Amino acid sequence: MAGAKAALQISRWIEPWGDARFPIDVDSLAKHCHTMFERDDPITAIHGAPWKGVDGFLQRHPENAKEWLISYSTSVCQERQLFTKAHELGHYVLHSGKQPG
C-alpha cells in the first residue's frame, strides 16, 4: 500500500473521533490498526527503554511470530517518542506484510 493511501485511510478511520483524536493516541492506533488493514499479525506490544543512539524499531514479537512489537527510546523528549512510535507504525502499515513470518 502506498504511503499516501495508507495515511488517508488512517485519517478517515480516526475522523469520527472528532476533537478527541488529538493528540493522536499512537499506542492505541498501533494496537488496533490491524483490523483496519485486515491483517492477522497485530502489534501487541509497545515498549520504551532508555537507549542512547537508537530511536526505535519494529520487530516480530519474540514469543509469537504472528505478532509485532514497537520499541522506542525513552531517552528523548515525548514529542520524539511519539514521532518514533508513529514512524515504526508506518513501517508496519507499509512494509511488514512483505516480510516472512
C-alpha atoms as a PDB file:
ATOM      1  CA  MET A   1       0.000   0.000   0.000  1.00  0.00           C
ATOM      2  CA  ALA A   2       1.295   3.448  -0.875  1.00  0.00           C
ATOM      3  CA  GLY A   3       2.073   5.815   1.989  1.00  0.00           C
ATOM      4  CA  ALA A   4      -0.428   8.497   0.966  1.00  0.00           C
ATOM      5  CA  LYS A   5      -3.213   5.936   0.577  1.00  0.00           C
ATOM      6  CA  ALA A   6      -2.477   4.413   3.995  1.00  0.00           C
ATOM      7  CA  ALA A   7      -2.344   7.848   5.646  1.00  0.00           C
ATOM      8  CA  LEU A   8      -5.687   8.783   4.100  1.00  0.00           C
ATOM      9  CA  GLN A   9      -7.222   5.525   5.307  1.00  0.00           C
ATOM     10  CA  ILE A  10      -5.981   6.135   8.856  1.00  0.00           C
ATOM     11  CA  SER A  11      -7.228   9.750   8.748  1.00  0.00           C
ATOM     12  CA  ARG A  12     -10.678   8.581   7.723  1.00  0.00           C
ATOM     13  CA  TRP A  13     -10.650   5.942  10.428  1.00  0.00           C
ATOM     14  CA  ILE A  14      -9.949   8.416  13.251  1.00  0.00           C
ATOM     15  CA  GLU A  15     -12.077  11.265  11.862  1.00  0.00           C
ATOM     16  CA  PRO A  16     -15.238  10.125  13.724  1.00  0.00           C
ATOM     17  CA  TRP A  17     -13.353  10.598  16.990  1.00  0.00           C
ATOM     18  CA  GLY A  18     -13.756  14.354  16.449  1.00  0.00           C
ATOM     19  CA  ASP A  19     -11.616  16.627  18.595  1.00  0.00           C
ATOM     20  CA  ALA A  20     -10.816  13.651  20.846  1.00  0.00           C
ATOM     21  CA  ARG A  21      -8.495  12.331  18.127  1.00  0.00           C
ATOM     22  CA  PHE A  22      -5.875  14.951  19.042  1.00  0.00           C
ATOM     23  CA  PRO A  23      -3.333  14.327  20.298  1.00  0.00           C
ATOM     24  CA  ILE A  24      -3.399  11.032  18.457  1.00  0.00           C
ATOM     25  CA  ASP A  25      -3.037   8.039  20.748  1.00  0.00           C
ATOM     26  CA  VAL A  26      -0.414   6.282  18.646  1.00  0.00           C
ATOM     27  CA  ASP A  27      -0.223   3.316  21.030  1.00  0.00           C
ATOM     28  CA  SER A  28      -3.939   2.614  20.688  1.00  0.00           C
ATOM     29  CA  LEU A  29      -3.858   3.210  16.946  1.00  0.00           C
ATOM     30  CA  ALA A  30      -0.944   0.789  16.591  1.00  0.00           C
ATOM     31  CA  LYS A  31      -2.650  -1.937  18.612  1.00  0.00           C
ATOM     32  CA  HIS A  32      -5.891  -1.693  16.624  1.00  0.00           C
ATOM     33  CA  CYS A  33      -4.848  -0.812  13.075  1.00  0.00           C
ATOM     34  CA  HIS A  34      -4.509  -4.452  12.033  1.00  0.00           C
ATOM     35  CA  THR A  35      -8.309  -4.560  11.877  1.00  0.00           C
ATOM     36  CA  MET A  36      -8.431  -1.570   9.532  1.00  0.00           C
ATOM     37  CA  PHE A  37      -5.890  -3.153   7.206  1.00  0.00           C
ATOM     38  CA  GLU A  38      -7.416  -6.643   7.556  1.00  0.00           C
ATOM     39  CA  ARG A  39      -4.244  -8.218   8.873  1.00  0.00           C
ATOM     40  CA  ASP A  40      -3.830 -11.199  11.149  1.00  0.00           C
ATOM     41  CA  ASP A  41      -0.459 -10.121  12.587  1.00  0.00           C
ATOM     42  CA  PRO A  42      -1.220  -7.336  15.098  1.00  0.00           C
ATOM     43  CA  ILE A  43       1.123  -5.083  17.008  1.00  0.00           C
ATOM     44  CA  THR A  44       0.606  -6.353  20.552  1.00  0.00           C
ATOM     45  CA  ALA A  45       3.350  -4.594  22.495  1.00  0.00           C
ATOM     46  CA  ILE A  46       4.864  -1.124  22.602  1.00  0.00           C
ATOM     47  CA  HIS A  47       7.934  -0.884  24.784  1.00  0.00           C
ATOM     48  CA  GLY A  48      10.158   2.005  25.783  1.00  0.00           C
ATOM     49  CA  ALA A  49      13.719   1.673  27.052  1.00  0.00           C
ATOM     50  CA  PRO A  50      16.393   4.272  27.969  1.00  0.00           C
ATOM     51  CA  TRP A  51      18.591   3.711  24.910  1.00  0.00           C
ATOM     52  CA  LYS A  52      21.081   6.169  23.556  1.00  0.00           C
ATOM     53  CA  GLY A  53      21.724   6.263  19.808  1.00  0.00           C
ATOM     54  CA  VAL A  54      18.679   4.151  18.846  1.00  0.00           C
ATOM     55  CA  ASP A  55      15.348   5.860  18.255  1.00  0.00           C
ATOM     56  CA  GLY A  56      13.229   2.760  17.822  1.00  0.00           C
ATOM     57  CA  PHE A  57      12.375  -0.279  15.751  1.00  0.00           C
ATOM     58  CA  LEU A  58       9.616  -2.645  14.697  1.00  0.00           C
ATOM     59  CA  GLN A  59      10.200  -6.359  15.121  1.00  0.00           C
ATOM     60  CA  ARG A  60       8.397  -9.660  15.327  1.00  0.00           C
ATOM     61  CA  HIS A  61       7.348 -10.437  18.878  1.00  0.00           C
ATOM     62  CA  PRO A  62       9.954 -12.829  20.326  1.00  0.00           C
ATOM     63  CA  GLU A  63       7.279 -15.040  21.900  1.00  0.00           C
ATOM     64  CA  ASN A  64       4.833 -15.146  18.961  1.00  0.00           C
ATOM     65  CA  ALA A  65       5.947 -14.700  15.343  1.00  0.00           C
ATOM     66  CA  LYS A  66       2.398 -13.713  14.278  1.00  0.00           C
ATOM     67  CA  GLU A  67       2.639 -10.578  16.403  1.00  0.00           C
ATOM     68  CA  TRP A  68       4.754  -7.425  16.241  1.00  0.00           C
ATOM     69  CA  LEU A  69       6.199  -5.061  18.788  1.00  0.00           C
ATOM     70  CA  ILE A  70       7.367  -1.484  18.625  1.00  0.00           C
ATOM     71  CA  SER A  71      10.318  -0.437  20.749  1.00  0.00           C
ATOM     72  CA  TYR A  72      11.374   3.172  21.250  1.00  0.00           C
ATOM     73  CA  SER A  73      13.880   5.213  23.229  1.00  0.00           C
ATOM     74  CA  THR A  74      12.674   6.937  26.392  1.00  0.00           C
ATOM     75  CA  SER A  75      15.918   8.959  26.480  1.00  0.00           C
ATOM     76  CA  VAL A  76      14.424  11.592  24.182  1.00  0.00           C
ATOM     77  CA  CYS A  77      11.608  14.125  24.587  1.00  0.00           C
ATOM     78  CA  GLN A  78       7.995  12.937  24.485  1.00  0.00           C
ATOM     79  CA  GLU A  79       7.445  14.501  21.068  1.00  0.00           C
ATOM     80  CA  ARG A  80      10.322  12.454  19.651  1.00  0.00           C
ATOM     81  CA  GLN A  81       8.978   9.307  21.317  1.00  0.00           C
ATOM     82  CA  LEU A  82       5.583   9.912  19.699  1.00  0.00           C
ATOM     83  CA  PHE A  83       7.201  10.544  16.319  1.00  0.00           C
ATOM     84  CA  THR A  84       9.260   7.350  16.586  1.00  0.00           C
ATOM     85  CA  LYS A  85       6.237   5.215  17.510  1.00  0.00           C
ATOM     86  CA  ALA A  86       4.282   6.696  14.575  1.00  0.00           C
ATOM     87  CA  HIS A  87       7.267   6.125  12.278  1.00  0.00           C
ATOM     88  CA  GLU A  88       7.511   2.468  13.288  1.00  0.00           C
ATOM     89  CA  LEU A  89       3.747   2.105  12.848  1.00  0.00           C
ATOM     90  CA  GLY A  90       4.296   3.396   9.312  1.00  0.00           C
ATOM     91  CA  HIS A  91       6.763   0.563   8.698  1.00  0.00           C
ATOM     92  CA  TYR A  92       4.151  -1.912   9.903  1.00  0.00           C
ATOM     93  CA  VAL A  93       1.467  -0.498   7.608  1.00  0.00           C
ATOM     94  CA  LEU A  94       3.693  -0.143   4.547  1.00  0.00           C
ATOM     95  CA  HIS A  95       6.261  -2.916   4.738  1.00  0.00           C
ATOM     96  CA  SER A  96       5.890  -5.577   7.401  1.00  0.00           C
ATOM     97  CA  GLY A  97       3.290  -7.596   5.488  1.00  0.00           C
ATOM     98  CA  LYS A  98       6.013  -8.321   2.932  1.00  0.00           C
ATOM     99  CA  GLN A  99       8.337  -9.911   5.482  1.00  0.00           C
ATOM    100  CA  PRO A 100       8.300 -13.685   6.012  1.00  0.00           C
ATOM    101  CA  GLY A 101       6.858 -14.874   9.340  1.00  0.00           C
END
